[in-house]
Amino acid sequence: MIRMLLPILLISLFTVNLYSREISLENAIQLGIENSDDLNAALKQIEKVQEVLNEISATNLPTVSLNGQYRVGSDLFFEKSITSSNYLGNIGIEANYLLYAFGAISDSIEAVKFTKEATAVQRDIIETELTYSIKLAYFSALVSDLFLDIAKESYANAVKSKKLIETQAAVRAPQADLIKISADIASRKIEVATTNIDRSNAYRLLKTLIYIDSNEEINLSTLFGKMNKPVLTDEIITSNLSNSDGVELINQLKIYDIQIESDMYNAKAVGKGNLPKLSLAGGYGISNYGNFSDTVSLGLPAGNITSDEGYVGIFLTYEFFDGFKSKSQKKQFIADSQIKGFQKNSERRNITSELLDSLLIYNQYQNILTLNNEAIVLGQRSYELSLARFLNGQTSATELNDVERTLSQLKRDRALTMNNIFSSLAAIGRYLPGVSQ
């Protein structure tokens, strides 16, 4: 069964799909960002925080309420029968305006403003992490393409060697060489098939991240050779961690400072929560009484009467003791801000270490790439010489196979080096996107 399927699989592998969709690295990142559920959720979170801000800001606006009642019965239930002529109805409108709260409201508003800013930064962090994941997946897919090309080339070389043995122009070779070459061809068929499986997995991951159907054929147009490799040093990295005033430039660190500011304003707002509040209030209402004894107690004649009343005044409320509730809440916010300060310091050390490690890998692999290129040139030359010696009967098929295998491995090593270069550059871009461009 495997022997029957391999030729079909190889035909499909060596056939160029003329209808594949071109996807550049920039296109991939754009597609991922435009369709990301996490980013859409982050945007909704920003909208939610804005509504919280609107809710608190509304405290500074007057409140207006309409109230009324209508009840039938007797206020002297045990002395009189209940009839529809015994009723009370009233309707009125009231307005209340908070004049002064000793800064409790304004501090709460500032706290939410910083929360909104932190939410926006968190959204940027999500986008940065998504971009990083897409880059790694894109590079992995590129490597899988290179590995597949190398496997196909190795297969073609084995087929070529066999044809040379079988031609009359070739020096008569032992039967063992012919068998060895046939075995090499079979092993390379399997290598092409397994490499294609790895490629399919790499492409499936990339398509998932950029919201492309798994059955859609795509072609990656941004090759390793077209990507920019900026010159980076330790000084460039460390100088971009914060500005001259010590303000953090990395979103993953900046968000801590914003959240600390929010906590401190929340602590202030809670601390002022039990201070006096001064309000301006007024109202106007109309009441109608029918045969209620209350009318007599009010100095009004018994019967069906209508009256109206209104008021306006300044009111002071002062909850001078709340069982130390606000004091405890204030301490909680202060503790939260201190915790975030410790977390930021730890995160800063980790990020700095990660950046410098990535920079070291980035620069080292660029040097290794030079060695890779030199090794491939020599490996290609060695293969050509071995092939010539093989045709002249000066070497065996085993040696030719070993040389060709070495050349293929050198090419795979170079592909991995390119992946390491741009993966480490992408890791730097997680925190310093401007530097990694």
Protein backbone atom coordinates (compact mmCIF):
# COMPACT_ATOMS: atom_id res chain seq x y z
CA MET A 1 0.00 0.00 0.00
CA ILE A 2 2.80 2.43 0.90
CA ARG A 3 4.55 1.67 -2.39
CA MET A 4 1.33 2.48 -4.24
CA LEU A 5 0.75 5.76 -2.39
CA LEU A 6 4.30 7.11 -2.54
CA PRO A 7 4.31 7.76 -6.33
CA ILE A 8 0.98 9.59 -6.07
CA LEU A 9 2.22 11.64 -3.15
CA LEU A 10 5.48 12.48 -4.91
CA ILE A 11 3.63 13.60 -8.04
CA SER A 12 1.54 15.98 -5.95
CA LEU A 13 4.63 17.26 -4.15
CA PHE A 14 6.51 18.04 -7.34
CA THR A 15 3.50 19.68 -8.98
CA VAL A 16 3.33 23.48 -8.72
CA ASN A 17 -0.01 24.84 -7.54
CA LEU A 18 -0.83 27.70 -9.89
CA TYR A 19 -3.76 28.85 -7.78
CA SER A 20 -2.07 29.36 -4.40
CA ARG A 21 -2.59 32.64 -2.57
CA GLU A 22 0.44 34.88 -2.07
CA ILE A 23 0.98 35.74 1.60
CA SER A 24 3.76 38.07 2.68
CA LEU A 25 4.87 38.40 6.28
CA GLU A 26 3.14 41.78 6.46
CA ASN A 27 -0.08 40.30 5.01
CA ALA A 28 0.03 37.48 7.56
CA ILE A 29 0.40 39.88 10.49
CA GLN A 30 -2.36 42.12 9.14
CA LEU A 31 -4.77 39.20 8.69
CA GLY A 32 -4.05 37.94 12.19
CA ILE A 33 -4.62 41.37 13.76
CA GLU A 34 -7.79 42.13 11.79
CA ASN A 35 -9.47 38.85 12.72
CA SER A 36 -8.15 38.25 16.23
CA ASP A 37 -10.86 37.49 18.77
CA ASP A 38 -8.48 38.44 21.59
CA LEU A 39 -7.91 41.89 20.09
CA ASN A 40 -11.61 42.41 19.50
CA ALA A 41 -12.26 41.44 23.12
CA ALA A 42 -9.55 43.92 24.23
CA LEU A 43 -11.26 46.70 22.27
CA LYS A 44 -14.56 45.88 23.97
CA GLN A 45 -12.78 46.00 27.31
CA ILE A 46 -11.65 49.56 26.51
CA GLU A 47 -15.26 50.46 25.68
CA LYS A 48 -16.39 48.93 28.97
CA VAL A 49 -13.89 50.95 30.99
CA GLN A 50 -15.04 54.09 29.17
CA GLU A 51 -18.60 53.37 30.31
CA VAL A 52 -17.32 52.97 33.88
CA LEU A 53 -15.71 56.39 33.50
CA ASN A 54 -18.98 57.80 32.18
CA GLU A 55 -20.83 56.27 35.12
CA ILE A 56 -18.56 57.88 37.70
CA SER A 57 -18.47 61.19 35.82
CA ALA A 58 -22.27 61.22 35.90
CA THR A 59 -22.01 61.74 39.68
CA ASN A 60 -21.08 65.34 38.92
CA LEU A 61 -24.37 65.84 37.08
CA PRO A 62 -27.75 66.54 38.69
CA THR A 63 -30.12 63.63 39.26
CA VAL A 64 -33.82 64.12 38.61
CA SER A 65 -36.52 61.71 39.80
CA LEU A 66 -40.26 61.48 39.43
CA ASN A 67 -42.23 59.82 42.24
CA GLY A 68 -45.84 59.32 43.19
CA GLN A 69 -48.37 57.08 44.88
CA TYR A 70 -52.06 56.29 45.02
CA ARG A 71 -53.63 54.21 47.77
CA VAL A 72 -57.16 53.45 48.74
CA GLY A 73 -58.26 52.58 52.28
CA SER A 74 -58.58 54.00 55.73
CA ASP A 75 -55.84 55.12 58.05
CA LEU A 76 -58.27 54.23 60.82
CA PHE A 77 -58.74 50.67 59.61
CA PHE A 78 -60.37 49.36 62.73
CA GLU A 79 -62.80 52.27 63.08
CA LYS A 80 -64.04 52.86 59.53
CA SER A 81 -64.91 50.68 56.58
CA ILE A 82 -62.68 50.78 53.53
CA THR A 83 -64.28 52.62 50.64
CA SER A 84 -63.06 54.16 47.43
CA SER A 85 -63.76 57.57 48.94
CA ASN A 86 -60.83 57.08 51.31
CA TYR A 87 -57.74 57.64 49.18
CA LEU A 88 -54.41 59.45 49.00
CA GLY A 89 -52.63 60.38 45.79
CA ASN A 90 -49.57 62.48 45.11
CA ILE A 91 -47.01 63.08 42.39
CA GLY A 92 -43.82 65.08 42.48
CA ILE A 93 -40.43 65.76 40.96
CA GLU A 94 -37.13 66.03 42.83
CA ALA A 95 -33.65 67.12 41.77
CA ASN A 96 -30.33 66.62 43.55
CA TYR A 97 -26.94 68.06 42.68
CA LEU A 98 -23.72 67.11 44.47
CA LEU A 99 -21.87 70.36 45.06
CA TYR A 100 -18.72 69.17 46.80
CA ALA A 101 -17.26 65.83 47.89
CA PHE A 102 -13.74 66.88 48.92
CA GLY A 103 -12.18 65.30 45.79
CA ALA A 104 -13.55 61.78 46.25
CA ILE A 105 -15.32 61.81 42.88
CA SER A 106 -12.49 63.48 40.95
CA ASP A 107 -9.97 60.97 42.35
CA SER A 108 -12.21 58.09 41.31
CA ILE A 109 -12.44 59.57 37.81
CA GLU A 110 -8.64 59.85 37.59
CA ALA A 111 -8.29 56.24 38.75
CA VAL A 112 -10.60 55.03 35.98
CA LYS A 113 -8.77 57.18 33.41
CA PHE A 114 -5.54 55.38 34.28
CA THR A 115 -7.38 52.06 34.16
CA LYS A 116 -8.56 52.91 30.66
CA GLU A 117 -4.99 53.80 29.64
CA ALA A 118 -3.74 50.52 31.08
CA THR A 119 -6.44 48.65 29.15
CA ALA A 120 -5.31 50.32 25.93
CA VAL A 121 -1.70 49.35 26.64
CA GLN A 122 -2.83 45.79 27.37
CA ARG A 123 -4.48 45.74 23.97
CA ASP A 124 -1.15 46.79 22.40
CA ILE A 125 0.62 44.01 24.32
CA ILE A 126 -1.87 41.46 22.96
CA GLU A 127 -1.21 42.70 19.44
CA THR A 128 2.55 42.50 19.98
CA GLU A 129 2.31 38.93 21.29
CA LEU A 130 0.09 37.95 18.37
CA THR A 131 2.57 39.48 15.92
CA TYR A 132 5.38 37.55 17.59
CA SER A 133 3.48 34.25 17.33
CA ILE A 134 2.66 34.87 13.67
CA LYS A 135 6.29 35.65 12.88
CA LEU A 136 7.50 32.43 14.50
CA ALA A 137 4.85 30.43 12.64
CA TYR A 138 5.76 32.13 9.36
CA PHE A 139 9.46 31.40 9.85
CA SER A 140 8.68 27.79 10.73
CA ALA A 141 6.67 27.47 7.51
CA LEU A 142 9.56 28.99 5.54
CA VAL A 143 11.96 26.46 7.04
CA SER A 144 9.58 23.64 6.17
CA ASP A 145 9.58 24.88 2.56
CA LEU A 146 13.37 24.89 2.51
CA PHE A 147 13.56 21.42 4.06
CA LEU A 148 11.14 20.11 1.45
CA ASP A 149 13.14 21.70 -1.37
CA ILE A 150 16.33 20.17 0.02
CA ALA A 151 14.68 16.74 0.29
CA LYS A 152 13.43 16.99 -3.30
CA GLU A 153 16.87 18.04 -4.51
CA SER A 154 18.48 15.14 -2.64
CA TYR A 155 15.98 12.77 -4.25
CA ALA A 156 16.75 14.23 -7.68
CA ASN A 157 20.49 13.78 -7.09
CA ALA A 158 19.98 10.12 -6.20
CA VAL A 159 17.91 9.57 -9.34
CA LYS A 160 20.58 11.32 -11.40
CA SER A 161 23.30 9.10 -9.95
CA LYS A 162 21.35 5.98 -10.84
CA LYS A 163 20.83 7.14 -14.40
CA LEU A 164 24.53 7.82 -14.75
CA ILE A 165 25.34 4.29 -13.61
CA GLU A 166 22.89 2.84 -16.09
CA THR A 167 24.16 4.80 -19.11
CA GLN A 168 26.73 3.29 -21.41
CA ALA A 169 28.93 6.32 -20.92
CA ALA A 170 29.38 5.50 -17.30
CA VAL A 171 32.16 3.23 -16.15
CA ARG A 172 30.80 -0.24 -15.45
CA ALA A 173 29.82 -0.26 -11.78
CA PRO A 174 29.36 -3.21 -9.46
CA GLN A 175 25.83 -4.50 -8.93
CA ALA A 176 26.18 -3.46 -5.30
CA ASP A 177 26.42 0.21 -6.34
CA LEU A 178 23.23 -0.06 -8.34
CA ILE A 179 21.42 -1.61 -5.40
CA LYS A 180 22.86 1.02 -3.06
CA ILE A 181 21.65 3.87 -5.29
CA SER A 182 18.18 2.29 -5.53
CA ALA A 183 18.06 2.08 -1.75
CA ASP A 184 19.10 5.74 -1.53
CA ILE A 185 16.27 6.71 -3.87
CA ALA A 186 13.75 4.80 -1.76
CA SER A 187 14.96 6.43 1.45
CA ARG A 188 14.77 9.86 -0.13
CA LYS A 189 11.18 9.23 -1.24
CA ILE A 190 10.30 8.59 2.37
CA GLU A 191 12.21 11.70 3.42
CA VAL A 192 10.28 13.83 0.94
CA ALA A 193 6.99 12.42 2.23
CA THR A 194 7.79 12.93 5.91
CA THR A 195 9.16 16.40 5.26
CA ASN A 196 5.92 17.29 3.54
CA ILE A 197 3.99 16.16 6.62
CA ASP A 198 6.08 18.53 8.74
CA ARG A 199 5.41 21.27 6.22
CA SER A 200 1.67 20.66 6.36
CA ASN A 201 1.73 20.96 10.15
CA ALA A 202 3.72 24.20 10.00
CA TYR A 203 1.33 25.68 7.45
CA ARG A 204 -1.71 24.57 9.43
CA LEU A 205 -0.48 26.47 12.48
CA LEU A 206 0.20 29.59 10.41
CA LYS A 207 -3.22 29.44 8.76
CA THR A 208 -4.88 29.09 12.15
CA LEU A 209 -3.15 32.21 13.46
CA ILE A 210 -4.05 34.31 10.40
CA TYR A 211 -7.60 32.96 10.01
CA ILE A 212 -7.15 31.25 6.65
CA ASP A 213 -9.02 28.04 5.92
CA SER A 214 -6.80 25.00 6.38
CA ASN A 215 -7.72 23.72 2.91
CA GLU A 216 -6.71 26.94 1.13
CA GLU A 217 -3.35 26.81 -0.63
CA ILE A 218 -0.99 29.67 0.20
CA ASN A 219 2.47 30.64 -0.99
CA LEU A 220 4.85 32.55 1.29
CA SER A 221 6.31 35.47 -0.64
CA THR A 222 8.57 37.00 2.04
CA LEU A 223 11.68 34.85 1.98
CA PHE A 224 14.51 34.94 4.50
CA GLY A 225 16.77 36.65 2.00
CA LYS A 226 14.33 39.57 1.65
CA MET A 227 14.13 40.32 5.36
CA ASN A 228 16.06 43.13 6.98
CA LYS A 229 18.75 42.30 9.53
CA PRO A 230 19.51 45.51 11.48
CA VAL A 231 22.79 46.05 13.30
CA LEU A 232 22.08 45.83 17.04
CA THR A 233 24.29 46.25 20.11
CA ASP A 234 23.86 46.01 23.87
CA GLU A 235 23.85 49.81 24.08
CA ILE A 236 20.99 50.08 21.58
CA ILE A 237 18.95 47.58 23.56
CA THR A 238 19.50 49.04 27.02
CA SER A 239 19.04 52.64 25.85
CA ASN A 240 15.58 51.77 24.57
CA LEU A 241 14.30 50.32 27.83
CA SER A 242 13.43 53.77 29.21
CA ASN A 243 13.97 57.42 28.31
CA SER A 244 16.26 59.91 30.03
CA ASP A 245 13.56 60.71 32.61
CA GLY A 246 13.21 57.05 33.54
CA VAL A 247 9.85 56.64 31.84
CA GLU A 248 9.40 53.07 30.65
CA LEU A 249 9.23 52.65 26.87
CA ILE A 250 8.30 48.96 26.89
CA ASN A 251 4.56 48.35 27.13
CA GLN A 252 5.04 45.29 29.32
CA LEU A 253 6.71 47.57 31.90
CA LYS A 254 4.76 50.76 31.23
CA ILE A 255 1.49 49.08 32.16
CA TYR A 256 2.71 48.56 35.72
CA ASP A 257 3.31 52.30 36.19
CA ILE A 258 -0.16 53.10 34.86
CA GLN A 259 -1.81 50.53 37.13
CA ILE A 260 0.12 51.88 40.13
CA GLU A 261 -1.21 55.38 39.40
CA SER A 262 -4.74 53.98 39.21
CA ASP A 263 -4.33 52.21 42.56
CA MET A 264 -3.04 55.37 44.22
CA TYR A 265 -5.99 57.45 43.01
CA ASN A 266 -8.36 54.72 44.15
CA ALA A 267 -6.71 54.85 47.58
CA LYS A 268 -7.23 58.63 47.69
CA ALA A 269 -10.86 58.31 46.61
CA VAL A 270 -11.61 55.67 49.25
CA GLY A 271 -9.85 57.72 51.91
CA LYS A 272 -12.09 60.69 51.10
CA GLY A 273 -15.24 58.59 50.87
CA ASN A 274 -16.37 59.26 54.45
CA LEU A 275 -15.73 63.02 54.32
CA PRO A 276 -18.75 65.37 54.26
CA LYS A 277 -20.73 65.73 51.05
CA LEU A 278 -22.56 68.93 50.21
CA SER A 279 -25.61 68.75 47.94
CA LEU A 280 -28.20 71.11 46.50
CA ALA A 281 -31.66 69.61 46.31
CA GLY A 282 -35.17 70.74 45.48
CA GLY A 283 -38.59 69.36 44.66
CA TYR A 284 -42.19 70.09 43.91
CA GLY A 285 -45.25 67.90 44.40
CA ILE A 286 -49.05 67.82 44.31
CA SER A 287 -51.15 65.78 46.74
CA ASN A 288 -54.85 64.89 46.81
CA TYR A 289 -56.60 63.63 49.95
CA GLY A 290 -60.03 61.99 50.14
CA ASN A 291 -61.66 61.57 53.57
CA PHE A 292 -58.40 60.73 55.37
CA SER A 293 -58.16 61.76 58.99
CA ASP A 294 -54.64 62.96 58.15
CA THR A 295 -56.23 66.04 56.67
CA VAL A 296 -57.57 66.96 60.08
CA SER A 297 -54.17 66.45 61.71
CA LEU A 298 -52.71 68.73 59.08
CA GLY A 299 -55.19 71.44 60.03
CA LEU A 300 -57.19 70.93 56.86
CA PRO A 301 -60.90 70.31 56.65
CA ALA A 302 -62.09 66.73 56.15
CA GLY A 303 -63.08 65.82 52.62
CA ASN A 304 -61.56 65.75 49.16
CA ILE A 305 -58.83 68.38 48.96
CA THR A 306 -55.76 69.10 46.83
CA SER A 307 -52.55 70.75 47.96
CA ASP A 308 -49.10 71.41 46.53
CA GLU A 309 -45.73 71.95 48.10
CA GLY A 310 -42.14 72.62 47.04
CA TYR A 311 -38.76 72.95 48.64
CA VAL A 312 -35.14 73.85 47.84
CA GLY A 313 -32.14 73.70 50.10
CA ILE A 314 -28.55 72.74 50.75
CA PHE A 315 -27.93 69.40 52.47
CA LEU A 316 -24.88 68.14 54.28
CA THR A 317 -24.20 64.42 54.85
CA TYR A 318 -21.31 63.21 56.93
CA GLU A 319 -20.66 59.56 57.62
CA PHE A 320 -17.97 60.16 60.18
CA PHE A 321 -17.56 56.49 61.15
CA ASP A 322 -17.90 53.42 58.90
CA GLY A 323 -16.28 50.81 61.11
CA PHE A 324 -12.83 51.41 59.51
CA LYS A 325 -14.13 50.01 56.20
CA SER A 326 -12.69 52.81 54.06
CA LYS A 327 -9.39 52.67 55.95
CA SER A 328 -9.06 48.96 55.14
CA GLN A 329 -9.93 49.53 51.48
CA LYS A 330 -7.35 52.28 51.22
CA LYS A 331 -4.64 50.00 52.60
CA GLN A 332 -5.62 47.33 50.08
CA PHE A 333 -5.12 49.70 47.15
CA ILE A 334 -1.79 50.85 48.55
CA ALA A 335 -0.69 47.23 48.98
CA ASP A 336 -1.76 46.49 45.38
CA SER A 337 0.37 49.36 44.11
CA GLN A 338 3.38 48.10 46.08
CA ILE A 339 2.88 44.56 44.76
CA LYS A 340 2.83 45.89 41.18
CA GLY A 341 6.04 47.79 41.92
CA PHE A 342 7.79 44.56 42.94
CA GLN A 343 6.31 42.73 39.94
CA LYS A 344 7.55 45.46 37.61
CA ASN A 345 11.09 45.26 38.98
CA SER A 346 11.12 41.50 38.51
CA GLU A 347 9.64 41.77 35.02
CA ARG A 348 12.18 44.43 34.06
CA ARG A 349 15.08 42.19 35.03
CA ASN A 350 13.58 39.26 33.12
CA ILE A 351 12.89 41.32 30.01
CA THR A 352 16.34 42.88 30.04
CA SER A 353 17.93 39.45 30.35
CA GLU A 354 15.72 38.04 27.58
CA LEU A 355 16.55 40.95 25.27
CA LEU A 356 20.29 40.62 25.79
CA ASP A 357 20.12 36.83 25.34
CA SER A 358 18.16 37.27 22.11
CA LEU A 359 20.66 39.86 20.93
CA LEU A 360 23.54 37.47 21.64
CA ILE A 361 21.81 34.71 19.68
CA TYR A 362 20.99 37.12 16.87
CA ASN A 363 24.58 38.30 16.43
CA GLN A 364 26.14 34.85 16.90
CA TYR A 365 23.92 33.23 14.30
CA GLN A 366 24.72 35.95 11.81
CA ASN A 367 28.35 34.89 12.14
CA ILE A 368 27.30 31.26 11.86
CA LEU A 369 25.38 32.09 8.67
CA THR A 370 28.64 33.19 7.05
CA LEU A 371 30.16 29.85 7.99
CA ASN A 372 27.07 28.03 6.69
CA ASN A 373 27.41 29.69 3.30
CA GLU A 374 31.11 28.84 3.10
CA ALA A 375 30.43 25.23 4.11
CA ILE A 376 27.72 24.86 1.44
CA VAL A 377 30.05 26.16 -1.28
CA LEU A 378 32.69 23.62 -0.23
CA GLY A 379 30.10 20.88 0.17
CA GLN A 380 28.77 21.51 -3.32
CA ARG A 381 32.26 21.38 -4.73
CA SER A 382 32.96 18.17 -2.81
CA TYR A 383 29.81 16.58 -4.19
CA GLU A 384 30.71 17.51 -7.76
CA LEU A 385 34.20 16.03 -7.35
CA SER A 386 32.83 12.86 -5.79
CA LEU A 387 30.33 12.50 -8.62
CA ALA A 388 33.13 12.82 -11.18
CA ARG A 389 35.25 10.24 -9.33
CA PHE A 390 32.23 7.95 -9.10
CA LEU A 391 31.73 8.12 -12.86
CA ASN A 392 35.40 7.26 -13.34
CA GLY A 393 35.12 4.33 -10.99
CA GLN A 394 37.38 5.95 -8.40
CA THR A 395 34.87 5.92 -5.57
CA SER A 396 31.87 3.92 -4.43
CA ALA A 397 28.16 4.76 -4.37
CA THR A 398 28.35 4.73 -0.58
CA GLU A 399 30.91 7.52 -0.53
CA LEU A 400 28.92 9.50 -3.09
CA ASN A 401 25.81 9.08 -0.98
CA ASP A 402 27.65 10.23 2.17
CA VAL A 403 28.94 13.37 0.41
CA GLU A 404 25.48 14.19 -0.94
CA ARG A 405 23.95 13.62 2.49
CA THR A 406 26.50 15.97 4.02
CA LEU A 407 25.61 18.64 1.45
CA SER A 408 21.91 18.27 2.22
CA GLN A 409 22.57 18.55 5.95
CA LEU A 410 24.65 21.70 5.40
CA LYS A 411 21.71 23.25 3.59
CA ARG A 412 19.35 22.25 6.39
CA ASP A 413 21.75 23.79 8.92
CA ARG A 414 21.68 27.06 7.00
CA ALA A 415 17.87 27.05 6.97
CA LEU A 416 17.84 26.56 10.74
CA THR A 417 20.38 29.35 11.15
CA MET A 418 18.13 31.73 9.20
CA ASN A 419 15.22 30.69 11.39
CA ASN A 420 17.25 31.36 14.54
CA ILE A 421 18.34 34.77 13.28
CA PHE A 422 14.84 36.02 12.59
CA SER A 423 13.24 34.26 15.55
CA SER A 424 15.67 36.00 17.91
CA LEU A 425 14.99 39.29 16.10
CA ALA A 426 11.25 38.70 16.57
CA ALA A 427 11.88 38.06 20.28
CA ILE A 428 13.52 41.48 20.49
CA GLY A 429 10.55 42.94 18.65
CA ARG A 430 8.19 41.68 21.37
CA TYR A 431 9.49 44.47 23.59
CA LEU A 432 11.24 46.85 21.18
CA PRO A 433 9.33 46.70 17.88
CA GLY A 434 10.96 49.90 16.60
CA VAL A 435 14.48 48.57 17.16
CA SER A 436 13.85 45.25 15.39
CA GLN A 437 12.58 46.76 12.14
